[in-house]
Amino acid sequence: MKQIIQLLSVVVLLALASVAPAQQYTYTQINTATGTASTIPASAPTNINAVITATKYTDTYLWVGFKLMAAGTSALDFRWEYSADGSTWPAIATAGNSGWFGGPAGNGTTMVYWGTNLTFNAAGYYRISYITNGSANVVTNLSIRSYVKPKRTG
């Protein structure tokens, strides 16, 4: 009987040891990771070239935070591109490998936060090539993050 209890104890301990801890969301600070400044001049496009590696995940949550240096309400526009290898990017913008999406509008000198879900499908890399600031004011405190979530099934 004592051996059965010891055997059951070992089985229970092994079962508990094999349970993986809950995975946490992780993020990459993509604009500062690429050496991009945290400001965007007034009424001008600014190269970002912030790359999101999507080789392990098919989805990400893109998070943006910024504020204007003075009063204003113009939006930011983002140009994105796909790449299969992370080094070769489209030379000409065509449907399916690049495009635009509108971001949040500034709210004067108050921090603005915005996010959207992105799905990469078969592409291994995705980048925001540049951001256009439509405001007559400088954007400051720019923060762009790419969050990935743990796999929830399988």
N, C-alpha and C. Protein backbone atom coordinates (compact mmCIF):
# COMPACT_ATOMS: atom_id res chain seq x y z
N MET A 1 0.83 -1.19 0.00
CA MET A 1 0.00 0.00 0.00
C MET A 1 0.87 1.26 0.00
N LYS A 2 1.96 1.19 0.78
CA LYS A 2 2.86 2.33 0.86
C LYS A 2 3.49 2.61 -0.50
N GLN A 3 3.82 1.56 -1.24
CA GLN A 3 4.41 1.72 -2.56
C GLN A 3 3.41 2.34 -3.55
N ILE A 4 2.16 1.99 -3.43
CA ILE A 4 1.13 2.55 -4.31
C ILE A 4 0.98 4.04 -4.04
N ILE A 5 0.98 4.43 -2.78
CA ILE A 5 0.87 5.85 -2.43
C ILE A 5 2.09 6.61 -2.94
N GLN A 6 3.27 6.03 -2.80
CA GLN A 6 4.48 6.68 -3.30
C GLN A 6 4.42 6.81 -4.83
N LEU A 7 3.98 5.78 -5.49
CA LEU A 7 3.85 5.80 -6.95
C LEU A 7 2.85 6.86 -7.39
N LEU A 8 1.71 6.93 -6.73
CA LEU A 8 0.71 7.96 -7.05
C LEU A 8 1.26 9.35 -6.79
N SER A 9 2.03 9.53 -5.73
CA SER A 9 2.64 10.82 -5.42
C SER A 9 3.59 11.25 -6.54
N VAL A 10 4.39 10.32 -7.03
CA VAL A 10 5.32 10.60 -8.11
C VAL A 10 4.56 10.98 -9.38
N VAL A 11 3.50 10.25 -9.69
CA VAL A 11 2.70 10.54 -10.88
C VAL A 11 2.08 11.94 -10.78
N VAL A 12 1.55 12.28 -9.63
CA VAL A 12 0.94 13.60 -9.44
C VAL A 12 1.99 14.69 -9.58
N LEU A 13 3.15 14.51 -8.98
CA LEU A 13 4.22 15.51 -9.10
C LEU A 13 4.68 15.68 -10.54
N LEU A 14 4.80 14.59 -11.27
CA LEU A 14 5.19 14.68 -12.68
C LEU A 14 4.12 15.39 -13.50
N ALA A 15 2.87 15.12 -13.21
CA ALA A 15 1.77 15.78 -13.92
C ALA A 15 1.78 17.27 -13.65
N LEU A 16 2.00 17.67 -12.41
CA LEU A 16 2.04 19.09 -12.07
C LEU A 16 3.26 19.78 -12.68
N ALA A 17 4.36 19.09 -12.75
CA ALA A 17 5.58 19.66 -13.31
C ALA A 17 5.46 19.90 -14.81
N SER A 18 4.63 19.12 -15.49
CA SER A 18 4.50 19.25 -16.94
C SER A 18 3.54 20.36 -17.35
N VAL A 19 2.81 20.93 -16.41
CA VAL A 19 1.89 22.02 -16.72
C VAL A 19 2.70 23.29 -16.94
N ALA A 20 2.61 23.85 -18.12
CA ALA A 20 3.38 25.05 -18.44
C ALA A 20 2.75 26.26 -17.76
N PRO A 21 3.57 27.21 -17.32
CA PRO A 21 3.02 28.43 -16.75
C PRO A 21 2.30 29.22 -17.84
N ALA A 22 1.35 30.03 -17.42
CA ALA A 22 0.59 30.83 -18.37
C ALA A 22 1.52 31.78 -19.11
N GLN A 23 1.37 31.85 -20.43
CA GLN A 23 2.20 32.75 -21.21
C GLN A 23 1.68 34.18 -21.08
N GLN A 24 2.59 35.12 -21.12
CA GLN A 24 2.25 36.52 -21.00
C GLN A 24 2.33 37.18 -22.38
N TYR A 25 1.57 38.26 -22.54
CA TYR A 25 1.72 39.06 -23.74
C TYR A 25 3.11 39.68 -23.72
N THR A 26 3.74 39.75 -24.87
CA THR A 26 5.04 40.40 -24.97
C THR A 26 4.95 41.46 -26.04
N TYR A 27 5.79 42.47 -25.93
CA TYR A 27 5.78 43.51 -26.96
C TYR A 27 7.20 43.91 -27.31
N THR A 28 7.32 44.49 -28.50
CA THR A 28 8.57 45.07 -28.98
C THR A 28 8.32 46.54 -29.23
N GLN A 29 9.18 47.36 -28.70
CA GLN A 29 9.10 48.81 -28.94
C GLN A 29 9.71 49.04 -30.31
N ILE A 30 8.91 49.01 -31.37
CA ILE A 30 9.48 48.92 -32.71
C ILE A 30 10.06 50.23 -33.23
N ASN A 31 9.58 51.38 -32.80
CA ASN A 31 10.20 52.59 -33.35
C ASN A 31 11.55 52.87 -32.70
N THR A 32 11.72 52.67 -31.42
CA THR A 32 13.02 52.93 -30.80
C THR A 32 13.98 51.77 -31.03
N ALA A 33 13.46 50.58 -31.26
CA ALA A 33 14.33 49.43 -31.53
C ALA A 33 15.06 49.60 -32.85
N THR A 34 14.51 50.39 -33.75
CA THR A 34 15.15 50.61 -35.05
C THR A 34 15.90 51.94 -35.08
N GLY A 35 16.04 52.61 -33.95
CA GLY A 35 16.78 53.86 -33.90
C GLY A 35 15.99 55.07 -34.36
N THR A 36 14.70 54.91 -34.54
CA THR A 36 13.86 56.01 -35.00
C THR A 36 13.60 56.97 -33.86
N ALA A 37 13.67 58.23 -34.16
CA ALA A 37 13.40 59.25 -33.15
C ALA A 37 11.94 59.19 -32.72
N SER A 38 11.66 59.78 -31.58
CA SER A 38 10.29 59.76 -31.07
C SER A 38 9.53 61.02 -31.46
N THR A 39 10.02 61.75 -32.45
CA THR A 39 9.31 62.95 -32.92
C THR A 39 9.10 62.85 -34.43
N ILE A 40 8.06 63.51 -34.91
CA ILE A 40 7.77 63.59 -36.34
C ILE A 40 7.54 65.05 -36.66
N PRO A 41 8.28 65.62 -37.62
CA PRO A 41 8.11 67.04 -37.95
C PRO A 41 6.69 67.36 -38.42
N ALA A 42 6.34 68.62 -38.33
CA ALA A 42 5.02 69.08 -38.78
C ALA A 42 4.89 68.94 -40.29
N SER A 43 3.70 68.50 -40.71
CA SER A 43 3.32 68.43 -42.13
C SER A 43 4.35 67.74 -43.01
N ALA A 44 4.91 66.63 -42.52
CA ALA A 44 5.95 65.95 -43.30
C ALA A 44 5.91 64.45 -43.06
N PRO A 45 6.27 63.66 -44.10
CA PRO A 45 6.44 62.22 -43.87
C PRO A 45 7.79 61.96 -43.20
N THR A 46 7.84 60.97 -42.34
CA THR A 46 9.08 60.62 -41.64
C THR A 46 9.31 59.13 -41.78
N ASN A 47 10.49 58.76 -42.27
CA ASN A 47 10.83 57.34 -42.39
C ASN A 47 10.90 56.70 -41.02
N ILE A 48 10.23 55.58 -40.89
CA ILE A 48 10.22 54.84 -39.64
C ILE A 48 10.96 53.51 -39.84
N ASN A 49 10.56 52.78 -40.89
CA ASN A 49 11.13 51.46 -41.19
C ASN A 49 11.16 50.55 -39.96
N ALA A 50 10.09 50.59 -39.21
CA ALA A 50 9.94 49.77 -38.01
C ALA A 50 9.42 48.40 -38.41
N VAL A 51 10.24 47.38 -38.24
CA VAL A 51 9.93 46.03 -38.70
C VAL A 51 9.33 45.20 -37.58
N ILE A 52 8.24 44.49 -37.90
CA ILE A 52 7.62 43.55 -36.99
C ILE A 52 7.91 42.15 -37.54
N THR A 53 8.58 41.33 -36.75
CA THR A 53 8.87 39.98 -37.18
C THR A 53 7.65 39.10 -36.92
N ALA A 54 7.15 38.49 -37.98
CA ALA A 54 5.94 37.68 -37.88
C ALA A 54 6.21 36.23 -38.26
N THR A 55 7.42 35.77 -38.00
CA THR A 55 7.76 34.41 -38.38
C THR A 55 7.20 33.38 -37.42
N LYS A 56 6.91 33.77 -36.18
CA LYS A 56 6.35 32.84 -35.21
C LYS A 56 4.87 33.07 -34.94
N TYR A 57 4.36 34.21 -35.35
CA TYR A 57 2.98 34.57 -35.07
C TYR A 57 2.30 35.05 -36.34
N THR A 58 1.01 34.87 -36.43
CA THR A 58 0.29 35.39 -37.59
C THR A 58 -0.46 36.67 -37.26
N ASP A 59 -0.55 37.00 -35.99
CA ASP A 59 -1.30 38.19 -35.59
C ASP A 59 -0.49 39.02 -34.60
N THR A 60 -0.74 40.31 -34.61
CA THR A 60 -0.15 41.21 -33.63
C THR A 60 -1.14 42.32 -33.34
N TYR A 61 -0.93 42.97 -32.25
CA TYR A 61 -1.71 44.16 -31.90
C TYR A 61 -0.75 45.33 -31.99
N LEU A 62 -1.01 46.25 -32.90
CA LEU A 62 -0.17 47.43 -33.08
C LEU A 62 -0.70 48.53 -32.19
N TRP A 63 0.16 49.07 -31.33
CA TRP A 63 -0.21 50.10 -30.36
C TRP A 63 0.61 51.34 -30.64
N VAL A 64 -0.06 52.50 -30.68
CA VAL A 64 0.62 53.78 -30.95
C VAL A 64 0.22 54.78 -29.88
N GLY A 65 1.19 55.52 -29.39
CA GLY A 65 0.94 56.61 -28.45
C GLY A 65 1.76 57.82 -28.88
N PHE A 66 1.18 59.02 -28.78
CA PHE A 66 1.91 60.25 -29.13
C PHE A 66 1.15 61.45 -28.60
N LYS A 67 1.79 62.61 -28.70
CA LYS A 67 1.11 63.87 -28.44
C LYS A 67 1.71 64.94 -29.34
N LEU A 68 1.00 66.04 -29.48
CA LEU A 68 1.47 67.16 -30.28
C LEU A 68 2.18 68.17 -29.38
N MET A 69 3.06 68.96 -29.96
CA MET A 69 3.78 69.99 -29.19
C MET A 69 2.88 71.17 -28.84
N ALA A 70 1.79 71.36 -29.61
CA ALA A 70 0.87 72.47 -29.36
C ALA A 70 -0.52 72.01 -29.79
N ALA A 71 -1.49 72.90 -29.67
CA ALA A 71 -2.87 72.56 -30.01
C ALA A 71 -2.97 72.12 -31.47
N GLY A 72 -3.82 71.13 -31.73
CA GLY A 72 -4.03 70.63 -33.07
C GLY A 72 -4.80 69.33 -33.02
N THR A 73 -5.38 68.94 -34.15
CA THR A 73 -6.19 67.72 -34.16
C THR A 73 -5.99 66.86 -35.41
N SER A 74 -4.92 67.08 -36.16
CA SER A 74 -4.73 66.30 -37.39
C SER A 74 -4.30 64.87 -37.08
N ALA A 75 -4.63 63.97 -38.02
CA ALA A 75 -4.33 62.54 -37.84
C ALA A 75 -2.96 62.18 -38.41
N LEU A 76 -2.47 61.01 -37.99
CA LEU A 76 -1.27 60.43 -38.57
C LEU A 76 -1.68 59.39 -39.60
N ASP A 77 -0.94 59.30 -40.68
CA ASP A 77 -1.15 58.27 -41.70
C ASP A 77 0.08 57.37 -41.74
N PHE A 78 -0.18 56.05 -41.77
CA PHE A 78 0.88 55.05 -41.73
C PHE A 78 0.97 54.33 -43.07
N ARG A 79 2.16 54.16 -43.62
CA ARG A 79 2.37 53.33 -44.80
C ARG A 79 3.02 52.03 -44.35
N TRP A 80 2.45 50.90 -44.77
CA TRP A 80 2.96 49.59 -44.36
C TRP A 80 3.38 48.78 -45.58
N GLU A 81 4.23 47.79 -45.33
CA GLU A 81 4.70 46.89 -46.39
C GLU A 81 4.93 45.49 -45.82
N TYR A 82 4.78 44.48 -46.68
CA TYR A 82 5.10 43.09 -46.33
C TYR A 82 6.43 42.69 -46.95
N SER A 83 7.10 41.71 -46.33
CA SER A 83 8.32 41.14 -46.89
C SER A 83 8.38 39.67 -46.52
N ALA A 84 8.94 38.87 -47.40
CA ALA A 84 9.08 37.44 -47.11
C ALA A 84 10.34 37.16 -46.29
N ASP A 85 11.38 37.98 -46.47
CA ASP A 85 12.66 37.69 -45.81
C ASP A 85 13.13 38.75 -44.82
N GLY A 86 12.44 39.88 -44.73
CA GLY A 86 12.82 40.93 -43.79
C GLY A 86 13.88 41.88 -44.29
N SER A 87 14.37 41.65 -45.51
CA SER A 87 15.38 42.56 -46.06
C SER A 87 15.00 43.10 -47.43
N THR A 88 14.13 42.40 -48.15
CA THR A 88 13.69 42.84 -49.46
C THR A 88 12.26 43.37 -49.33
N TRP A 89 12.08 44.65 -49.64
CA TRP A 89 10.78 45.30 -49.49
C TRP A 89 10.32 45.77 -50.86
N PRO A 90 9.03 45.94 -51.07
CA PRO A 90 8.53 46.34 -52.39
C PRO A 90 9.08 47.69 -52.82
N ALA A 91 9.54 47.76 -54.07
CA ALA A 91 10.03 49.02 -54.62
C ALA A 91 8.87 49.89 -55.09
N ILE A 92 7.80 49.24 -55.49
CA ILE A 92 6.62 49.96 -55.96
C ILE A 92 5.44 49.48 -55.14
N ALA A 93 4.69 50.43 -54.61
CA ALA A 93 3.53 50.07 -53.79
C ALA A 93 2.45 49.46 -54.68
N THR A 94 2.07 48.24 -54.40
CA THR A 94 0.99 47.58 -55.12
C THR A 94 0.03 46.95 -54.13
N ALA A 95 -1.18 46.73 -54.57
CA ALA A 95 -2.17 46.11 -53.69
C ALA A 95 -1.67 44.73 -53.26
N GLY A 96 -1.78 44.45 -51.99
CA GLY A 96 -1.39 43.16 -51.48
C GLY A 96 -0.04 43.13 -50.79
N ASN A 97 0.89 44.04 -51.20
CA ASN A 97 2.19 44.04 -50.53
C ASN A 97 2.47 45.34 -49.79
N SER A 98 1.58 46.31 -49.91
CA SER A 98 1.76 47.57 -49.20
C SER A 98 0.42 48.30 -49.16
N GLY A 99 0.37 49.32 -48.36
CA GLY A 99 -0.86 50.11 -48.28
C GLY A 99 -0.76 51.16 -47.19
N TRP A 100 -1.89 51.78 -46.92
CA TRP A 100 -1.98 52.85 -45.94
C TRP A 100 -3.06 52.52 -44.93
N PHE A 101 -2.92 53.04 -43.74
CA PHE A 101 -4.05 53.10 -42.83
C PHE A 101 -3.93 54.38 -42.02
N GLY A 102 -5.09 54.94 -41.70
CA GLY A 102 -5.13 56.17 -40.92
C GLY A 102 -5.03 55.85 -39.45
N GLY A 103 -4.28 56.66 -38.78
CA GLY A 103 -4.12 56.49 -37.34
C GLY A 103 -4.96 57.49 -36.58
N PRO A 104 -4.63 57.68 -35.34
CA PRO A 104 -5.42 58.56 -34.48
C PRO A 104 -5.16 60.03 -34.79
N ALA A 105 -6.11 60.84 -34.44
CA ALA A 105 -5.93 62.29 -34.54
C ALA A 105 -5.32 62.80 -33.25
N GLY A 106 -4.46 63.79 -33.38
CA GLY A 106 -3.87 64.40 -32.19
C GLY A 106 -4.93 65.13 -31.39
N ASN A 107 -4.64 65.34 -30.13
CA ASN A 107 -5.57 66.05 -29.25
C ASN A 107 -4.77 67.08 -28.47
N GLY A 108 -4.18 68.02 -29.20
CA GLY A 108 -3.36 69.03 -28.54
C GLY A 108 -2.18 68.39 -27.86
N THR A 109 -1.87 68.83 -26.66
CA THR A 109 -0.70 68.33 -25.95
C THR A 109 -1.03 67.15 -25.04
N THR A 110 -2.24 66.59 -25.17
CA THR A 110 -2.64 65.42 -24.40
C THR A 110 -2.18 64.15 -25.13
N MET A 111 -1.66 63.18 -24.38
CA MET A 111 -1.27 61.90 -25.00
C MET A 111 -2.48 61.22 -25.63
N VAL A 112 -2.28 60.70 -26.83
CA VAL A 112 -3.32 59.96 -27.54
C VAL A 112 -2.81 58.53 -27.70
N TYR A 113 -3.68 57.56 -27.44
CA TYR A 113 -3.32 56.15 -27.59
C TYR A 113 -4.29 55.49 -28.55
N TRP A 114 -3.77 54.59 -29.37
CA TRP A 114 -4.58 53.96 -30.40
C TRP A 114 -3.99 52.60 -30.72
N GLY A 115 -4.82 51.67 -31.13
CA GLY A 115 -4.32 50.36 -31.50
C GLY A 115 -5.22 49.67 -32.50
N THR A 116 -4.64 48.68 -33.18
CA THR A 116 -5.40 47.90 -34.15
C THR A 116 -4.78 46.50 -34.25
N ASN A 117 -5.58 45.54 -34.62
CA ASN A 117 -5.11 44.18 -34.85
C ASN A 117 -4.60 44.04 -36.27
N LEU A 118 -3.50 43.33 -36.44
CA LEU A 118 -2.94 43.07 -37.76
C LEU A 118 -2.78 41.57 -37.94
N THR A 119 -3.11 41.09 -39.15
CA THR A 119 -2.93 39.68 -39.49
C THR A 119 -1.95 39.62 -40.65
N PHE A 120 -0.93 38.78 -40.53
CA PHE A 120 0.14 38.72 -41.52
C PHE A 120 -0.04 37.64 -42.57
N ASN A 121 -0.86 36.65 -42.30
CA ASN A 121 -1.01 35.52 -43.21
C ASN A 121 0.35 34.88 -43.47
N ALA A 122 0.76 34.75 -44.72
CA ALA A 122 2.01 34.04 -45.03
C ALA A 122 3.26 34.91 -44.94
N ALA A 123 3.12 36.21 -44.84
CA ALA A 123 4.29 37.09 -44.80
C ALA A 123 5.07 36.88 -43.51
N GLY A 124 6.39 36.91 -43.63
CA GLY A 124 7.23 36.73 -42.45
C GLY A 124 7.57 38.03 -41.74
N TYR A 125 7.44 39.15 -42.46
CA TYR A 125 7.82 40.44 -41.89
C TYR A 125 6.85 41.52 -42.37
N TYR A 126 6.67 42.48 -41.55
CA TYR A 126 5.75 43.59 -41.80
C TYR A 126 6.46 44.82 -41.28
N ARG A 127 6.39 45.92 -42.00
CA ARG A 127 7.00 47.12 -41.46
C ARG A 127 6.15 48.35 -41.73
N ILE A 128 6.29 49.28 -40.86
CA ILE A 128 5.73 50.61 -41.08
C ILE A 128 6.88 51.40 -41.69
N SER A 129 6.77 51.70 -42.99
CA SER A 129 7.89 52.35 -43.67
C SER A 129 7.97 53.83 -43.33
N TYR A 130 6.82 54.49 -43.28
CA TYR A 130 6.86 55.88 -42.81
C TYR A 130 5.50 56.32 -42.31
N ILE A 131 5.54 57.41 -41.57
CA ILE A 131 4.34 58.02 -41.00
C ILE A 131 4.28 59.45 -41.49
N THR A 132 3.11 59.87 -41.94
CA THR A 132 2.92 61.25 -42.35
C THR A 132 2.13 61.97 -41.27
N ASN A 133 2.66 63.07 -40.84
CA ASN A 133 2.02 63.91 -39.83
C ASN A 133 1.28 65.03 -40.56
N GLY A 134 -0.04 65.02 -40.53
CA GLY A 134 -0.83 66.04 -41.21
C GLY A 134 -0.99 67.31 -40.40
N SER A 135 -0.51 67.32 -39.19
CA SER A 135 -0.67 68.47 -38.32
C SER A 135 0.37 69.54 -38.60
N ALA A 136 0.05 70.76 -38.27
CA ALA A 136 1.01 71.85 -38.38
C ALA A 136 1.93 71.88 -37.16
N ASN A 137 1.76 70.89 -36.27
CA ASN A 137 2.56 70.83 -35.05
C ASN A 137 3.40 69.56 -35.04
N VAL A 138 4.52 69.63 -34.37
CA VAL A 138 5.42 68.49 -34.25
C VAL A 138 4.78 67.43 -33.35
N VAL A 139 4.88 66.17 -33.78
CA VAL A 139 4.45 65.04 -32.95
C VAL A 139 5.63 64.69 -32.04
N THR A 140 5.36 64.47 -30.77
CA THR A 140 6.41 64.11 -29.83
C THR A 140 5.97 62.91 -28.99
N ASN A 141 6.91 62.34 -28.27
CA ASN A 141 6.66 61.17 -27.42
C ASN A 141 6.06 60.01 -28.20
N LEU A 142 6.45 59.86 -29.46
CA LEU A 142 5.92 58.78 -30.29
C LEU A 142 6.39 57.44 -29.76
N SER A 143 5.45 56.55 -29.57
CA SER A 143 5.75 55.19 -29.12
C SER A 143 4.93 54.23 -29.96
N ILE A 144 5.61 53.29 -30.65
CA ILE A 144 4.93 52.28 -31.46
C ILE A 144 5.34 50.92 -30.93
N ARG A 145 4.36 50.12 -30.53
CA ARG A 145 4.64 48.80 -29.98
C ARG A 145 3.89 47.74 -30.77
N SER A 146 4.51 46.59 -30.88
CA SER A 146 3.88 45.42 -31.49
C SER A 146 3.74 44.36 -30.41
N TYR A 147 2.49 44.06 -30.03
CA TYR A 147 2.22 43.06 -29.01
C TYR A 147 1.88 41.73 -29.68
N VAL A 148 2.41 40.64 -29.15
CA VAL A 148 2.01 39.32 -29.60
C VAL A 148 1.41 38.59 -28.42
N LYS A 149 0.43 37.77 -28.72
CA LYS A 149 -0.24 37.04 -27.65
C LYS A 149 0.12 35.57 -27.73
N PRO A 150 0.02 34.91 -26.61
CA PRO A 150 0.32 33.47 -26.62
C PRO A 150 -0.72 32.71 -27.42
N LYS A 151 -0.32 31.59 -27.97
CA LYS A 151 -1.25 30.73 -28.69
C LYS A 151 -2.28 30.20 -27.70
N ARG A 152 -3.54 30.33 -28.02
CA ARG A 152 -4.60 29.97 -27.08
C ARG A 152 -5.20 28.60 -27.32
N THR A 153 -4.85 28.00 -28.43
CA THR A 153 -5.40 26.66 -28.73
C THR A 153 -4.27 25.75 -29.13
N GLY A 154 -4.53 24.45 -29.07
CA GLY A 154 -3.58 23.48 -29.57
C GLY A 154 -2.42 23.21 -28.76
